[in-house]
Structure formats: structure tokens, C-alpha cells
């Protein structure tokens, strides 16, 4: 069975939304495990995956509000990963 272009893009959109929502579930569960509010590094990786997929979906849908909303996020997520790496490098 061949997927239509529309079905494929819906899958991309849903995959992005699942990854984006999954980061909050991950953060919540990790914080419960640690008994304090913590944002694990994997939160930022899921943020990048979700944001990138949703950005692609927004472009396909030609939704300027959605495009602008998703375009900025990846910059913040990448910067957080850089700061985490720098912090780990300074500790070594």
C-alpha cells in the first residue's frame, strides 16, 4: 500500500508532536525519579527532533504563524546543548 503525500505529511506532523510532547513526559518522570525538578539532556534532543519535524510540517502547510513559532525554538535547544557540553567539559 502506497502512502499519499498528505498521509506522509500527517505522519511527520504527528511524529513531531509526539516527540515534542514526549519531552514533557520525560522531564516529569525524571523529576519524579530525582524528587526535584530536573531537565535531562535528552529533553533538549527531543525538543530538537520535535521542533524540526513540526517546522517541516508547518512549511508544508504554509502556515506562517506555525513556521515562525517553530523556527526559533531549535536555536534555543541547540544553545542549551552547547551550554551543557561546555559545563561538562569544564568539570573534566
Protein backbone atom coordinates (compact mmCIF):
# COMPACT_ATOMS: atom_id res chain seq x y z
CA UNK A 1 0.00 0.00 0.00
CA UNK A 2 1.41 3.36 -1.03
CA UNK A 3 1.06 6.37 1.25
CA UNK A 4 -0.27 9.56 -0.23
CA UNK A 5 1.74 12.74 0.14
CA UNK A 6 -0.89 14.07 2.56
CA UNK A 7 -0.75 10.92 4.71
CA UNK A 8 3.05 11.08 4.81
CA UNK A 9 3.00 14.71 5.95
CA UNK A 10 0.37 13.92 8.58
CA UNK A 11 2.72 11.22 9.88
CA UNK A 12 5.58 13.76 10.01
CA UNK A 13 3.35 16.22 11.88
CA UNK A 14 2.17 13.62 14.37
CA UNK A 15 5.72 12.29 14.89
CA UNK A 16 6.88 15.83 15.64
CA UNK A 17 4.02 16.38 18.06
CA UNK A 18 4.69 13.05 19.80
CA UNK A 19 8.39 13.90 20.21
CA UNK A 20 7.57 17.41 21.39
CA UNK A 21 5.02 16.16 23.93
CA UNK A 22 7.30 13.28 24.92
CA UNK A 23 9.90 15.72 26.20
CA UNK A 24 7.47 16.98 28.85
CA UNK A 25 6.57 13.44 29.88
CA UNK A 26 10.30 12.63 30.09
CA UNK A 27 11.02 15.72 32.19
CA UNK A 28 8.12 14.99 34.52
CA UNK A 29 9.07 11.33 35.05
CA UNK A 30 12.76 12.18 35.51
CA UNK A 31 11.91 14.86 38.05
CA UNK A 32 9.68 12.42 39.93
CA UNK A 33 12.54 9.91 39.94
CA UNK A 34 15.00 12.52 41.28
CA UNK A 35 12.42 14.02 43.67
CA UNK A 36 13.26 17.51 42.39
CA UNK A 37 12.71 19.50 39.21
CA UNK A 38 15.32 18.42 36.67
CA UNK A 39 15.64 18.83 32.91
CA UNK A 40 17.64 15.92 31.47
CA UNK A 41 19.81 16.41 28.38
CA UNK A 42 17.51 14.12 26.40
CA UNK A 43 14.77 16.76 26.86
CA UNK A 44 16.74 19.07 24.57
CA UNK A 45 17.31 16.34 21.97
CA UNK A 46 13.60 15.54 21.88
CA UNK A 47 12.94 19.27 21.61
CA UNK A 48 15.14 19.49 18.51
CA UNK A 49 13.57 16.41 16.89
CA UNK A 50 10.02 17.58 17.61
CA UNK A 51 10.68 21.16 16.60
CA UNK A 52 12.40 20.16 13.35
CA UNK A 53 9.58 17.80 12.33
CA UNK A 54 6.93 20.36 13.25
CA UNK A 55 8.84 23.07 11.38
CA UNK A 56 8.91 20.90 8.24
CA UNK A 57 5.20 20.19 8.66
CA UNK A 58 4.46 23.91 9.12
CA UNK A 59 6.34 24.72 5.91
CA UNK A 60 4.39 22.04 4.06
CA UNK A 61 1.14 23.50 5.42
CA UNK A 62 2.37 27.01 4.56
CA UNK A 63 1.30 28.29 7.96
CA UNK A 64 3.36 31.42 8.72
CA UNK A 65 2.37 31.55 12.41
CA UNK A 66 3.37 27.91 12.93
CA UNK A 67 6.59 28.40 10.89
CA UNK A 68 7.74 31.38 12.98
CA UNK A 69 6.80 29.61 16.20
CA UNK A 70 8.87 26.52 15.40
CA UNK A 71 11.82 28.24 13.69
CA UNK A 72 13.09 29.99 16.82
CA UNK A 73 12.89 27.02 19.17
CA UNK A 74 15.68 24.99 17.59
CA UNK A 75 18.14 27.82 18.18
CA UNK A 76 17.33 27.79 21.90
CA UNK A 77 17.51 23.98 22.11
CA UNK A 78 20.88 23.83 20.35
CA UNK A 79 22.24 26.58 22.58
CA UNK A 80 21.17 24.67 25.70
CA UNK A 81 23.02 21.59 24.43
CA UNK A 82 26.13 23.73 23.85
CA UNK A 83 25.93 25.09 27.40
CA UNK A 84 25.51 21.58 28.82
CA UNK A 85 28.54 20.34 26.86
CA UNK A 86 30.63 23.33 27.94
CA UNK A 87 29.66 22.76 31.56
CA UNK A 88 30.67 19.08 31.35
CA UNK A 89 33.97 19.99 29.66
CA UNK A 90 34.81 22.45 32.46
CA UNK A 91 34.20 19.78 35.11
CA UNK A 92 36.66 17.33 33.48
